[in-house]
C-alpha cells in the first residue's frame, strides 16, 4: 500500500520535472542551485559624421554638398588645357577622429566620334588631382602651384574614378574645418583624337565621392 503511494508521488514529481525541462527547451539543464555575479559595464558608441560643402566659379559661397548636387559644370566644353576647380570645405561634426579621401567619378556620359570615325569616350581624355589643406589660405596657394605645374606633370594626375586622393591629415574631433580642391583638366597634349565630328557631341557628367573612416580602421 505504501509502495503504491510512493510510486504515485514519484510519478507526479517526474511529471513536474518533465514539464519544467520541456518548458526550458529540449536539452536544457536544470540547476537547482545557482549563483549569478552581475557586473554592469557601460559603453558609448562614438559618432563619425562628416559634412561637406562646395564652391566653384559659379557657386561662390560654400554650399552643402548633397547627393544630387552637380558641383562640376555639365555644360563645359572641354578642349586641351581646359580646367575646372571645385573647392570643398570638410567638417568633423562627430566626436571621433577620422581619415578621409576624395575622388572624381563619372556619373554619366555620351560618346561621340572623331574625324577618323573613332569613338570618343571623353573621360579617357580627362585627368584630375586633389590638394588638401588645413586652412583656406594654404589651399589657395596649393591650387595655384598645382595649376602652374600641370603641363609638366601629367603623370602625377589621376584617371577619373580612382581613389588615390587620400588626405595626409587626420581630422580630429573638435578641430577646425579642413579643405580640399578637385582639379579636373584636359591635358595640353590631347589632340584631334578628342575633337568630335558629326551631330553627337561627347559629354560627361562628373560626380564627387568623399569617404571617411575611423583612424586605425582597415579600408580597401
N, C-alpha and C. Protein backbone atom coordinates (compact mmCIF):
# COMPACT_ATOMS: atom_id res chain seq x y z
N UNK A 1 0.83 -1.20 0.00
CA UNK A 1 0.00 0.00 0.00
C UNK A 1 0.87 1.25 0.00
N UNK A 2 1.86 1.29 0.91
CA UNK A 2 2.76 2.43 0.98
C UNK A 2 3.61 2.53 -0.29
N UNK A 3 4.00 1.38 -0.83
CA UNK A 3 4.81 1.40 -2.05
C UNK A 3 4.05 2.03 -3.22
N UNK A 4 2.72 1.71 -3.30
CA UNK A 4 1.93 2.27 -4.39
C UNK A 4 1.83 3.79 -4.25
N UNK A 5 1.67 4.29 -2.97
CA UNK A 5 1.60 5.73 -2.76
C UNK A 5 2.90 6.40 -3.17
N UNK A 6 4.03 5.79 -2.78
CA UNK A 6 5.32 6.40 -3.14
C UNK A 6 5.56 6.40 -4.66
N UNK A 7 5.05 5.31 -5.28
CA UNK A 7 5.19 5.27 -6.74
C UNK A 7 4.40 6.39 -7.39
N UNK A 8 3.18 6.63 -6.86
CA UNK A 8 2.36 7.73 -7.40
C UNK A 8 3.03 9.08 -7.18
N UNK A 9 3.60 9.28 -5.98
CA UNK A 9 4.30 10.53 -5.68
C UNK A 9 5.51 10.69 -6.60
N UNK A 10 6.26 9.63 -6.79
CA UNK A 10 7.44 9.68 -7.66
C UNK A 10 7.05 10.01 -9.09
N UNK A 11 5.94 9.38 -9.54
CA UNK A 11 5.49 9.67 -10.90
C UNK A 11 5.05 11.12 -11.04
N UNK A 12 4.40 11.64 -10.01
CA UNK A 12 3.95 13.04 -10.05
C UNK A 12 5.15 13.98 -10.10
N UNK A 13 6.18 13.69 -9.29
CA UNK A 13 7.38 14.52 -9.30
C UNK A 13 8.07 14.45 -10.65
N UNK A 14 8.13 13.23 -11.20
CA UNK A 14 8.76 13.06 -12.52
C UNK A 14 8.02 13.85 -13.59
N UNK A 15 6.67 13.84 -13.48
CA UNK A 15 5.88 14.58 -14.46
C UNK A 15 6.14 16.08 -14.36
N UNK A 16 6.23 16.58 -13.13
CA UNK A 16 6.51 18.01 -12.94
C UNK A 16 7.88 18.36 -13.49
N UNK A 17 8.90 17.54 -13.20
CA UNK A 17 10.24 17.77 -13.70
C UNK A 17 10.28 17.75 -15.22
N UNK A 18 9.51 16.82 -15.79
CA UNK A 18 9.47 16.74 -17.25
C UNK A 18 8.89 18.02 -17.85
N UNK A 19 7.80 18.52 -17.23
CA UNK A 19 7.19 19.74 -17.74
C UNK A 19 8.15 20.93 -17.63
N UNK A 20 8.88 21.01 -16.52
CA UNK A 20 9.87 22.09 -16.37
C UNK A 20 10.96 21.97 -17.42
N UNK A 21 11.47 20.75 -17.59
CA UNK A 21 12.52 20.50 -18.60
C UNK A 21 12.04 20.85 -19.99
N UNK A 22 10.76 20.49 -20.30
CA UNK A 22 10.20 20.77 -21.63
C UNK A 22 10.03 22.27 -21.82
N UNK A 23 9.58 22.98 -20.76
CA UNK A 23 9.39 24.42 -20.85
C UNK A 23 10.70 25.15 -21.09
N UNK A 24 11.79 24.64 -20.53
CA UNK A 24 13.09 25.28 -20.72
C UNK A 24 13.66 25.02 -22.11
N UNK A 25 13.12 24.00 -22.75
CA UNK A 25 13.62 23.67 -24.08
C UNK A 25 14.40 22.37 -24.04
N UNK A 26 14.26 21.61 -25.09
CA UNK A 26 14.92 20.31 -25.17
C UNK A 26 16.42 20.46 -24.97
N UNK A 27 16.95 19.66 -24.08
CA UNK A 27 18.39 19.69 -23.85
C UNK A 27 18.81 20.70 -22.81
N UNK A 28 17.87 21.47 -22.23
CA UNK A 28 18.24 22.46 -21.23
C UNK A 28 18.64 21.78 -19.93
N UNK A 29 19.47 22.43 -19.19
CA UNK A 29 19.92 21.88 -17.91
C UNK A 29 19.25 22.63 -16.77
N UNK A 30 18.69 21.89 -15.83
CA UNK A 30 18.04 22.50 -14.68
C UNK A 30 19.05 22.59 -13.55
N UNK A 31 19.27 23.79 -13.08
CA UNK A 31 20.23 23.98 -11.99
C UNK A 31 19.44 24.29 -10.72
N UNK A 32 19.52 23.42 -9.76
CA UNK A 32 18.79 23.64 -8.52
C UNK A 32 19.43 24.75 -7.69
N UNK A 33 20.75 24.86 -7.79
CA UNK A 33 21.46 25.89 -7.05
C UNK A 33 22.23 26.75 -8.06
N UNK A 34 22.14 28.06 -7.95
CA UNK A 34 22.85 28.93 -8.88
C UNK A 34 23.33 30.17 -8.16
N UNK A 35 24.38 30.74 -8.69
CA UNK A 35 24.94 31.97 -8.14
C UNK A 35 25.33 32.85 -9.31
N UNK A 36 24.73 34.01 -9.42
CA UNK A 36 24.98 34.91 -10.54
C UNK A 36 25.69 36.15 -10.03
N UNK A 37 26.84 36.44 -10.62
CA UNK A 37 27.59 37.65 -10.28
C UNK A 37 27.37 38.64 -11.41
N UNK A 38 26.59 39.66 -11.17
CA UNK A 38 26.22 40.61 -12.22
C UNK A 38 27.17 41.81 -12.19
N UNK A 39 27.81 42.08 -13.34
CA UNK A 39 28.72 43.21 -13.47
C UNK A 39 28.17 44.12 -14.56
N UNK A 40 28.04 45.39 -14.27
CA UNK A 40 27.47 46.33 -15.23
C UNK A 40 28.58 47.15 -15.88
N UNK A 41 28.64 47.09 -17.20
CA UNK A 41 29.58 47.91 -17.96
C UNK A 41 28.79 48.80 -18.90
N UNK A 42 29.16 50.05 -18.99
CA UNK A 42 28.50 50.97 -19.90
C UNK A 42 29.44 51.32 -21.04
N UNK A 43 28.92 51.22 -22.27
CA UNK A 43 29.70 51.54 -23.46
C UNK A 43 28.97 52.62 -24.24
N UNK A 44 29.73 53.55 -24.78
CA UNK A 44 29.15 54.60 -25.61
C UNK A 44 29.78 54.54 -27.00
N UNK A 45 28.94 54.43 -27.99
CA UNK A 45 29.42 54.34 -29.37
C UNK A 45 29.75 55.74 -29.88
N UNK A 46 30.94 55.88 -30.43
CA UNK A 46 31.34 57.18 -30.96
C UNK A 46 30.57 57.51 -32.23
N UNK A 47 30.49 58.77 -32.53
CA UNK A 47 29.77 59.23 -33.71
C UNK A 47 30.76 59.75 -34.74
N UNK A 48 30.77 59.12 -35.92
CA UNK A 48 31.58 59.59 -37.03
C UNK A 48 30.65 60.28 -38.01
N UNK A 49 30.81 61.59 -38.11
CA UNK A 49 29.95 62.36 -39.02
C UNK A 49 30.79 63.41 -39.73
N UNK A 50 30.69 63.39 -41.04
CA UNK A 50 31.42 64.33 -41.87
C UNK A 50 30.42 65.11 -42.72
N UNK A 51 30.50 66.42 -42.68
CA UNK A 51 29.70 67.28 -43.54
C UNK A 51 30.61 67.94 -44.56
N UNK A 52 30.15 68.01 -45.81
CA UNK A 52 30.96 68.57 -46.89
C UNK A 52 30.18 69.66 -47.61
N UNK A 53 30.82 70.78 -47.83
CA UNK A 53 30.25 71.87 -48.62
C UNK A 53 31.20 72.15 -49.79
N UNK A 54 30.68 72.82 -50.84
CA UNK A 54 31.49 73.07 -52.02
C UNK A 54 31.28 74.49 -52.52
N UNK A 55 32.21 74.92 -53.36
CA UNK A 55 32.03 76.15 -54.14
C UNK A 55 32.84 76.02 -55.41
N UNK A 56 32.50 76.83 -56.42
CA UNK A 56 33.22 76.82 -57.69
C UNK A 56 33.12 78.22 -58.31
N UNK A 57 33.34 78.32 -59.62
CA UNK A 57 33.31 79.63 -60.26
C UNK A 57 31.92 80.25 -60.25
N UNK A 58 30.89 79.40 -60.18
CA UNK A 58 29.52 79.89 -60.23
C UNK A 58 28.94 80.02 -58.82
N UNK A 59 29.09 78.97 -58.02
CA UNK A 59 28.64 78.98 -56.62
C UNK A 59 29.82 79.49 -55.79
N UNK A 60 29.78 80.75 -55.41
CA UNK A 60 30.96 81.39 -54.81
C UNK A 60 30.99 81.31 -53.28
N UNK A 61 29.91 80.81 -52.67
CA UNK A 61 29.89 80.60 -51.23
C UNK A 61 29.76 79.10 -50.95
N UNK A 62 30.41 78.64 -49.90
CA UNK A 62 30.33 77.22 -49.59
C UNK A 62 28.87 76.81 -49.35
N UNK A 63 28.46 75.79 -50.09
CA UNK A 63 27.08 75.29 -50.07
C UNK A 63 27.11 73.79 -49.80
N UNK A 64 26.19 73.28 -48.95
CA UNK A 64 26.21 71.85 -48.63
C UNK A 64 26.18 70.97 -49.88
N UNK A 65 27.01 69.96 -49.88
CA UNK A 65 27.09 69.01 -51.00
C UNK A 65 26.10 67.88 -50.73
N UNK A 66 25.07 67.80 -51.56
CA UNK A 66 24.04 66.78 -51.42
C UNK A 66 24.25 65.68 -52.45
N UNK A 67 23.42 64.64 -52.33
CA UNK A 67 23.58 63.50 -53.24
C UNK A 67 23.35 63.83 -54.69
N UNK A 68 22.51 64.83 -54.96
CA UNK A 68 22.20 65.18 -56.35
C UNK A 68 22.90 66.46 -56.80
N UNK A 69 23.77 67.01 -55.96
CA UNK A 69 24.46 68.26 -56.30
C UNK A 69 25.38 68.06 -57.51
N UNK A 70 25.33 68.98 -58.44
CA UNK A 70 26.24 68.97 -59.58
C UNK A 70 27.28 70.05 -59.37
N UNK A 71 28.36 69.66 -58.71
CA UNK A 71 29.39 70.64 -58.37
C UNK A 71 30.23 71.03 -59.58
N UNK A 72 30.33 70.13 -60.57
CA UNK A 72 31.04 70.44 -61.80
C UNK A 72 30.06 70.91 -62.86
N UNK A 73 30.56 71.69 -63.79
CA UNK A 73 29.74 72.23 -64.87
C UNK A 73 29.53 71.16 -65.95
N UNK A 74 28.29 70.66 -66.04
CA UNK A 74 27.98 69.62 -67.02
C UNK A 74 28.03 70.15 -68.46
N UNK A 75 27.93 71.45 -68.61
CA UNK A 75 27.90 72.04 -69.95
C UNK A 75 29.29 72.48 -70.41
N UNK A 76 30.31 72.09 -69.67
CA UNK A 76 31.68 72.50 -70.01
C UNK A 76 32.07 72.00 -71.40
N UNK A 77 32.72 72.86 -72.16
CA UNK A 77 33.23 72.49 -73.48
C UNK A 77 34.72 72.21 -73.33
N UNK A 78 35.05 70.94 -73.17
CA UNK A 78 36.44 70.57 -72.92
C UNK A 78 37.27 70.69 -74.19
N UNK A 79 38.45 71.23 -74.02
CA UNK A 79 39.46 71.31 -75.06
C UNK A 79 40.81 71.23 -74.36
N UNK A 80 41.89 70.95 -75.09
CA UNK A 80 43.21 70.85 -74.44
C UNK A 80 43.53 72.09 -73.60
N UNK A 81 43.83 71.86 -72.34
CA UNK A 81 44.14 72.95 -71.43
C UNK A 81 42.97 73.41 -70.58
N UNK A 82 41.73 73.00 -70.92
CA UNK A 82 40.57 73.43 -70.16
C UNK A 82 40.63 72.86 -68.74
N UNK A 83 40.26 73.67 -67.75
CA UNK A 83 40.38 73.27 -66.35
C UNK A 83 39.15 73.69 -65.56
N UNK A 84 38.73 72.83 -64.67
CA UNK A 84 37.69 73.15 -63.70
C UNK A 84 38.23 72.89 -62.30
N UNK A 85 37.85 73.74 -61.35
CA UNK A 85 38.26 73.55 -59.96
C UNK A 85 37.03 73.62 -59.07
N UNK A 86 36.87 72.63 -58.20
CA UNK A 86 35.81 72.64 -57.18
C UNK A 86 36.48 72.59 -55.82
N UNK A 87 36.10 73.52 -54.97
CA UNK A 87 36.66 73.60 -53.61
C UNK A 87 35.72 72.94 -52.62
N UNK A 88 36.28 72.23 -51.66
CA UNK A 88 35.49 71.54 -50.65
C UNK A 88 35.86 72.02 -49.25
N UNK A 89 34.85 72.22 -48.43
CA UNK A 89 35.03 72.53 -47.02
C UNK A 89 34.51 71.32 -46.23
N UNK A 90 35.37 70.73 -45.43
CA UNK A 90 35.03 69.48 -44.74
C UNK A 90 34.96 69.74 -43.24
N UNK A 91 33.86 69.31 -42.62
CA UNK A 91 33.66 69.49 -41.19
C UNK A 91 33.58 68.16 -40.48
N UNK A 92 34.16 68.08 -39.30
CA UNK A 92 34.02 66.92 -38.44
C UNK A 92 32.94 67.26 -37.41
N UNK A 93 31.73 66.76 -37.65
CA UNK A 93 30.59 67.06 -36.79
C UNK A 93 30.37 66.00 -35.72
N UNK A 94 31.22 64.98 -35.68
CA UNK A 94 31.08 63.93 -34.68
C UNK A 94 32.07 64.09 -33.55
N UNK A 95 32.28 63.00 -32.83
CA UNK A 95 33.23 63.02 -31.72
C UNK A 95 34.35 62.00 -31.89
N UNK A 96 34.59 61.63 -33.15
CA UNK A 96 35.64 60.66 -33.45
C UNK A 96 36.64 61.27 -34.42
N UNK A 97 37.91 60.93 -34.27
CA UNK A 97 38.94 61.31 -35.23
C UNK A 97 38.78 60.41 -36.46
N UNK A 98 38.95 60.99 -37.64
CA UNK A 98 38.85 60.16 -38.84
C UNK A 98 39.83 60.60 -39.91
N UNK A 99 40.03 59.69 -40.86
CA UNK A 99 40.78 59.98 -42.07
C UNK A 99 39.79 59.99 -43.23
N UNK A 100 40.19 60.54 -44.36
CA UNK A 100 39.23 60.66 -45.45
C UNK A 100 39.94 60.73 -46.80
N UNK A 101 39.17 60.47 -47.84
CA UNK A 101 39.70 60.55 -49.19
C UNK A 101 38.60 61.06 -50.12
N UNK A 102 39.03 61.55 -51.28
CA UNK A 102 38.12 62.19 -52.22
C UNK A 102 38.43 61.68 -53.62
N UNK A 103 37.40 61.55 -54.43
CA UNK A 103 37.61 61.13 -55.82
C UNK A 103 36.61 61.84 -56.73
N UNK A 104 37.00 62.00 -57.98
CA UNK A 104 36.09 62.49 -59.02
C UNK A 104 35.63 61.28 -59.81
N UNK A 105 34.33 61.12 -59.96
CA UNK A 105 33.78 59.95 -60.62
C UNK A 105 33.02 60.33 -61.89
N UNK A 106 32.79 59.34 -62.71
CA UNK A 106 31.98 59.51 -63.92
C UNK A 106 30.57 59.01 -63.62
N UNK A 107 29.60 59.91 -63.58
CA UNK A 107 28.23 59.53 -63.28
C UNK A 107 27.42 59.23 -64.54
N UNK A 108 27.75 59.91 -65.63
CA UNK A 108 27.05 59.67 -66.89
C UNK A 108 27.91 60.22 -68.03
N UNK A 109 27.65 59.77 -69.24
CA UNK A 109 28.45 60.23 -70.38
C UNK A 109 27.70 59.98 -71.68
N UNK A 110 28.13 60.71 -72.71
CA UNK A 110 27.65 60.49 -74.07
C UNK A 110 28.88 60.39 -74.96
N UNK A 111 28.99 59.33 -75.72
CA UNK A 111 30.12 59.15 -76.63
C UNK A 111 29.90 59.91 -77.94
N UNK A 112 31.00 60.26 -78.57
CA UNK A 112 30.95 60.88 -79.89
C UNK A 112 31.92 60.21 -80.83
N UNK A 113 32.14 60.79 -81.99
CA UNK A 113 33.07 60.26 -82.98
C UNK A 113 34.03 61.37 -83.40
N UNK A 114 35.29 60.99 -83.63
CA UNK A 114 36.24 61.99 -84.12
C UNK A 114 36.31 61.93 -85.65
N UNK A 115 37.25 62.68 -86.21
CA UNK A 115 37.33 62.79 -87.67
C UNK A 115 37.64 61.46 -88.33
N UNK A 116 38.24 60.53 -87.60
CA UNK A 116 38.59 59.22 -88.16
C UNK A 116 37.54 58.16 -87.88
N UNK A 117 36.41 58.59 -87.31
CA UNK A 117 35.34 57.65 -87.02
C UNK A 117 35.55 56.86 -85.74
N UNK A 118 36.53 57.23 -84.95
CA UNK A 118 36.80 56.53 -83.70
C UNK A 118 35.90 57.07 -82.58
N UNK A 119 35.54 56.19 -81.68
CA UNK A 119 34.67 56.59 -80.56
C UNK A 119 35.44 57.47 -79.57
N UNK A 120 34.81 58.54 -79.19
CA UNK A 120 35.40 59.43 -78.18
C UNK A 120 34.68 59.19 -76.85
N UNK A 121 35.37 58.57 -75.91
CA UNK A 121 34.88 58.44 -74.54
C UNK A 121 35.61 59.52 -73.75
N UNK A 122 34.93 60.62 -73.53
CA UNK A 122 35.57 61.82 -73.00
C UNK A 122 36.37 61.59 -71.71
N UNK A 123 35.90 60.79 -70.76
CA UNK A 123 36.68 60.59 -69.53
C UNK A 123 38.10 60.07 -69.77
N UNK A 124 38.30 59.38 -70.90
CA UNK A 124 39.66 58.89 -71.20
C UNK A 124 40.64 60.04 -71.41
N UNK A 125 40.13 61.21 -71.74
CA UNK A 125 41.00 62.34 -72.06
C UNK A 125 41.05 63.39 -70.95
N UNK A 126 40.46 63.06 -69.81
CA UNK A 126 40.45 63.97 -68.67
C UNK A 126 41.26 63.39 -67.52
N UNK A 127 41.87 64.26 -66.75
CA UNK A 127 42.63 63.87 -65.57
C UNK A 127 42.22 64.77 -64.42
N UNK A 128 42.45 64.27 -63.20
CA UNK A 128 42.14 65.11 -62.06
C UNK A 128 43.20 64.96 -60.98
N UNK A 129 43.25 65.97 -60.13
CA UNK A 129 44.16 65.95 -58.98
C UNK A 129 43.44 66.52 -57.77
N UNK A 130 43.92 66.16 -56.59
CA UNK A 130 43.34 66.65 -55.35
C UNK A 130 44.44 67.28 -54.51
N UNK A 131 44.16 68.42 -53.94
CA UNK A 131 45.07 69.01 -52.96
C UNK A 131 44.30 69.20 -51.67
N UNK A 132 44.97 68.99 -50.54
CA UNK A 132 44.36 69.10 -49.22
C UNK A 132 45.08 70.16 -48.41
N UNK A 133 44.33 70.83 -47.55
CA UNK A 133 44.92 71.86 -46.70
C UNK A 133 44.11 71.95 -45.40
N UNK A 134 44.73 72.51 -44.39
CA UNK A 134 44.07 72.68 -43.10
C UNK A 134 43.48 74.07 -42.92
N UNK A 135 43.68 74.94 -43.93
CA UNK A 135 43.02 76.25 -43.91
C UNK A 135 42.89 76.75 -45.35
N UNK A 136 42.03 77.75 -45.54
CA UNK A 136 41.72 78.23 -46.90
C UNK A 136 42.90 78.91 -47.58
N UNK A 137 43.65 79.71 -46.84
CA UNK A 137 44.79 80.41 -47.45
C UNK A 137 45.80 79.42 -48.00
N UNK A 138 46.07 78.40 -47.24
CA UNK A 138 47.01 77.36 -47.69
C UNK A 138 46.47 76.65 -48.92
N UNK A 139 45.16 76.40 -48.95
CA UNK A 139 44.56 75.72 -50.08
C UNK A 139 44.71 76.53 -51.36
N UNK A 140 44.42 77.81 -51.29
CA UNK A 140 44.53 78.66 -52.48
C UNK A 140 45.94 78.62 -53.06
N UNK A 141 46.93 78.69 -52.21
CA UNK A 141 48.33 78.66 -52.67
C UNK A 141 48.67 77.32 -53.31
N UNK A 142 48.16 76.24 -52.72
CA UNK A 142 48.45 74.91 -53.25
C UNK A 142 47.79 74.70 -54.60
N UNK A 143 46.58 75.22 -54.76
CA UNK A 143 45.89 75.10 -56.06
C UNK A 143 46.66 75.87 -57.14
N UNK A 144 47.10 77.06 -56.81
CA UNK A 144 47.87 77.85 -57.77
C UNK A 144 49.14 77.11 -58.20
N UNK A 145 49.83 76.53 -57.24
CA UNK A 145 51.05 75.79 -57.57
C UNK A 145 50.74 74.59 -58.45
N UNK A 146 49.66 73.91 -58.16
CA UNK A 146 49.31 72.72 -58.93
C UNK A 146 48.91 73.10 -60.36
N UNK A 147 48.20 74.18 -60.50
CA UNK A 147 47.80 74.62 -61.84
C UNK A 147 48.99 75.06 -62.67
N UNK A 148 49.96 75.72 -62.06
CA UNK A 148 51.14 76.15 -62.79
C UNK A 148 51.97 74.98 -63.27
N UNK A 149 51.96 73.90 -62.52
CA UNK A 149 52.81 72.76 -62.84
C UNK A 149 52.11 71.69 -63.67
N UNK A 150 50.83 71.87 -63.96
CA UNK A 150 50.07 70.76 -64.55
C UNK A 150 50.59 70.34 -65.93
N UNK A 151 51.06 71.29 -66.74
CA UNK A 151 51.52 70.93 -68.08
C UNK A 151 52.73 70.01 -68.03
N UNK A 152 53.52 70.09 -66.98
CA UNK A 152 54.74 69.29 -66.90
C UNK A 152 54.62 68.10 -65.96
N UNK A 153 53.38 67.81 -65.51
CA UNK A 153 53.23 66.75 -64.51
C UNK A 153 52.02 65.88 -64.80
N UNK A 154 51.82 65.56 -66.08
CA UNK A 154 50.66 64.77 -66.46
C UNK A 154 50.63 63.43 -65.74
N UNK A 155 51.80 62.84 -65.53
CA UNK A 155 51.85 61.53 -64.90
C UNK A 155 51.48 61.57 -63.41
N UNK A 156 51.38 62.77 -62.84
CA UNK A 156 51.01 62.89 -61.43
C UNK A 156 49.50 63.10 -61.26
N UNK A 157 48.77 63.09 -62.35
CA UNK A 157 47.33 63.27 -62.29
C UNK A 157 46.65 61.94 -62.46
N UNK A 158 45.44 61.84 -61.94
CA UNK A 158 44.76 60.54 -61.86
C UNK A 158 43.63 60.42 -62.88
N UNK A 159 43.34 59.19 -63.24
CA UNK A 159 42.20 58.92 -64.10
C UNK A 159 40.92 59.09 -63.28
N UNK A 160 39.85 59.52 -63.93
CA UNK A 160 38.59 59.70 -63.22
C UNK A 160 38.14 58.38 -62.61
N UNK A 161 37.63 58.45 -61.39
CA UNK A 161 37.12 57.26 -60.72
C UNK A 161 38.10 56.57 -59.81
N UNK A 162 39.38 56.93 -59.86
CA UNK A 162 40.36 56.30 -58.98
C UNK A 162 40.34 56.97 -57.61
N UNK A 163 40.73 56.20 -56.58
CA UNK A 163 40.64 56.68 -55.19
C UNK A 163 42.00 57.05 -54.64
N UNK A 164 42.86 57.65 -55.43
CA UNK A 164 44.20 57.95 -54.93
C UNK A 164 44.25 59.23 -54.11
N UNK A 165 43.15 60.00 -54.10
CA UNK A 165 43.14 61.26 -53.38
C UNK A 165 42.86 61.11 -51.90
N UNK A 166 43.85 60.63 -51.14
CA UNK A 166 43.70 60.46 -49.69
C UNK A 166 44.36 61.62 -48.96
N UNK A 167 43.65 62.18 -48.01
CA UNK A 167 44.19 63.31 -47.27
C UNK A 167 45.36 62.88 -46.40
N UNK A 168 46.41 63.68 -46.32
CA UNK A 168 47.54 63.36 -45.45
C UNK A 168 47.27 63.71 -43.99
N UNK A 169 46.10 64.31 -43.74
CA UNK A 169 45.79 64.78 -42.39
C UNK A 169 44.78 63.88 -41.69
N UNK A 170 44.95 63.72 -40.39
CA UNK A 170 43.92 63.12 -39.55
C UNK A 170 43.03 64.24 -39.07
N UNK A 171 41.73 64.09 -39.26
CA UNK A 171 40.78 65.12 -38.86
C UNK A 171 40.30 64.79 -37.44
N UNK A 172 40.81 65.53 -36.49
CA UNK A 172 40.48 65.27 -35.09
C UNK A 172 39.16 65.92 -34.71
N UNK A 173 38.44 65.25 -33.79
CA UNK A 173 37.17 65.79 -33.32
C UNK A 173 37.40 67.15 -32.66
N UNK A 174 36.55 68.10 -32.98
CA UNK A 174 36.67 69.43 -32.41
C UNK A 174 37.63 70.34 -33.14
N UNK A 175 38.31 69.82 -34.14
CA UNK A 175 39.27 70.62 -34.90
C UNK A 175 38.55 71.52 -35.90
N UNK A 176 39.22 72.58 -36.29
CA UNK A 176 38.65 73.49 -37.29
C UNK A 176 38.50 72.76 -38.64
N UNK A 177 37.71 73.35 -39.54
CA UNK A 177 37.43 72.73 -40.83
C UNK A 177 38.70 72.43 -41.62
N UNK A 178 38.63 71.35 -42.41
CA UNK A 178 39.67 71.05 -43.38
C UNK A 178 39.17 71.46 -44.77
N UNK A 179 40.12 71.54 -45.71
CA UNK A 179 39.76 71.99 -47.06
C UNK A 179 40.44 71.12 -48.11
N UNK A 180 39.78 71.01 -49.25
CA UNK A 180 40.35 70.26 -50.38
C UNK A 180 39.90 70.94 -51.67
N UNK A 181 40.62 70.67 -52.73
CA UNK A 181 40.25 71.18 -54.05
C UNK A 181 40.42 70.06 -55.06
N UNK A 182 39.42 69.93 -55.92
CA UNK A 182 39.45 68.95 -57.01
C UNK A 182 39.68 69.70 -58.31
N UNK A 183 40.74 69.33 -59.01
CA UNK A 183 41.11 69.99 -60.26
C UNK A 183 40.95 68.99 -61.39
N UNK A 184 40.06 69.29 -62.31
CA UNK A 184 39.85 68.42 -63.48
C UNK A 184 40.29 69.19 -64.72
N UNK A 185 41.08 68.55 -65.55
CA UNK A 185 41.52 69.24 -66.76
C UNK A 185 41.81 68.27 -67.90
N UNK A 186 41.82 68.83 -69.10
CA UNK A 186 42.20 68.07 -70.29
C UNK A 186 43.64 68.46 -70.63
N UNK A 187 44.56 67.49 -70.59
CA UNK A 187 45.97 67.81 -70.85
C UNK A 187 46.19 68.47 -72.21
N UNK A 188 47.21 69.30 -72.25
CA UNK A 188 47.53 70.03 -73.48
C UNK A 188 47.84 69.10 -74.64
N UNK A 189 48.41 67.93 -74.34
CA UNK A 189 48.84 67.05 -75.43
C UNK A 189 47.70 66.30 -76.10
N UNK A 190 46.48 66.41 -75.56
CA UNK A 190 45.34 65.77 -76.22
C UNK A 190 45.08 66.51 -77.54
N UNK A 191 45.10 65.79 -78.61
CA UNK A 191 44.94 66.42 -79.93
C UNK A 191 43.58 66.16 -80.53
N UNK A 192 43.57 65.96 -81.83
CA UNK A 192 42.31 65.78 -82.55
C UNK A 192 41.61 64.46 -82.27
N UNK A 193 42.26 63.59 -81.52
CA UNK A 193 41.61 62.33 -81.16
C UNK A 193 40.35 62.58 -80.35
N UNK A 194 40.31 63.71 -79.63
CA UNK A 194 39.13 64.05 -78.83
C UNK A 194 38.32 65.17 -79.47
N UNK A 195 38.62 65.51 -80.72
CA UNK A 195 37.90 66.56 -81.43
C UNK A 195 36.78 65.90 -82.24
N UNK A 196 35.54 66.12 -81.81
CA UNK A 196 34.45 65.35 -82.40
C UNK A 196 34.02 65.91 -83.75
N UNK A 197 33.43 65.01 -84.53
CA UNK A 197 32.82 65.35 -85.81
C UNK A 197 31.45 64.69 -85.84
N UNK A 198 30.50 65.36 -86.46
CA UNK A 198 29.16 64.78 -86.55
C UNK A 198 28.17 65.52 -85.69
N UNK A 199 27.03 64.88 -85.46
CA UNK A 199 25.94 65.53 -84.75
C UNK A 199 25.93 65.23 -83.25
N UNK A 200 26.65 64.22 -82.83
CA UNK A 200 26.64 63.84 -81.41
C UNK A 200 27.88 64.38 -80.70
N UNK A 201 27.68 65.31 -79.83
CA UNK A 201 28.79 65.91 -79.10
C UNK A 201 29.07 65.08 -77.84
N UNK A 202 30.31 64.62 -77.67
CA UNK A 202 30.62 63.84 -76.47
C UNK A 202 30.52 64.72 -75.23
N UNK A 203 30.04 64.15 -74.14
CA UNK A 203 29.91 64.89 -72.88
C UNK A 203 30.11 63.94 -71.71
N UNK A 204 30.28 64.51 -70.53
CA UNK A 204 30.47 63.70 -69.33
C UNK A 204 29.86 64.45 -68.15
N UNK A 205 29.23 63.70 -67.27
CA UNK A 205 28.70 64.24 -66.02
C UNK A 205 29.59 63.72 -64.89
N UNK A 206 30.22 64.65 -64.21
CA UNK A 206 31.17 64.28 -63.16
C UNK A 206 30.50 64.32 -61.79
N UNK A 207 30.95 63.44 -60.92
CA UNK A 207 30.47 63.40 -59.55
C UNK A 207 31.63 63.46 -58.58
N UNK A 208 31.31 63.62 -57.31
CA UNK A 208 32.32 63.68 -56.25
C UNK A 208 31.98 62.62 -55.21
N UNK A 209 32.95 61.83 -54.85
CA UNK A 209 32.78 60.84 -53.78
C UNK A 209 33.75 61.19 -52.65
N UNK A 210 33.22 61.26 -51.45
CA UNK A 210 34.04 61.52 -50.26
C UNK A 210 33.81 60.38 -49.29
N UNK A 211 34.88 59.78 -48.81
CA UNK A 211 34.78 58.64 -47.91
C UNK A 211 35.60 58.92 -46.65
N UNK A 212 35.04 58.59 -45.48
CA UNK A 212 35.73 58.80 -44.21
C UNK A 212 35.69 57.51 -43.40
N UNK A 213 36.71 57.30 -42.58
CA UNK A 213 36.76 56.11 -41.74
C UNK A 213 37.51 56.43 -40.46
N UNK A 214 37.18 55.69 -39.41
CA UNK A 214 37.80 55.89 -38.11
C UNK A 214 39.30 55.63 -38.20
N UNK A 215 40.07 56.43 -37.51
CA UNK A 215 41.52 56.27 -37.51
C UNK A 215 41.87 54.85 -37.04
N UNK A 216 42.72 54.20 -37.80
CA UNK A 216 43.13 52.84 -37.47
C UNK A 216 42.33 51.76 -38.13
N UNK A 217 41.17 52.11 -38.72
CA UNK A 217 40.35 51.12 -39.40
C UNK A 217 40.99 50.71 -40.70
N UNK A 218 40.77 49.46 -41.09
CA UNK A 218 41.31 48.97 -42.35
C UNK A 218 40.30 49.27 -43.46
N UNK A 219 40.80 49.83 -44.57
CA UNK A 219 39.94 50.13 -45.71
C UNK A 219 40.55 49.53 -46.94
N UNK A 220 39.73 49.41 -48.00
CA UNK A 220 40.22 48.91 -49.29
C UNK A 220 40.95 50.01 -50.03
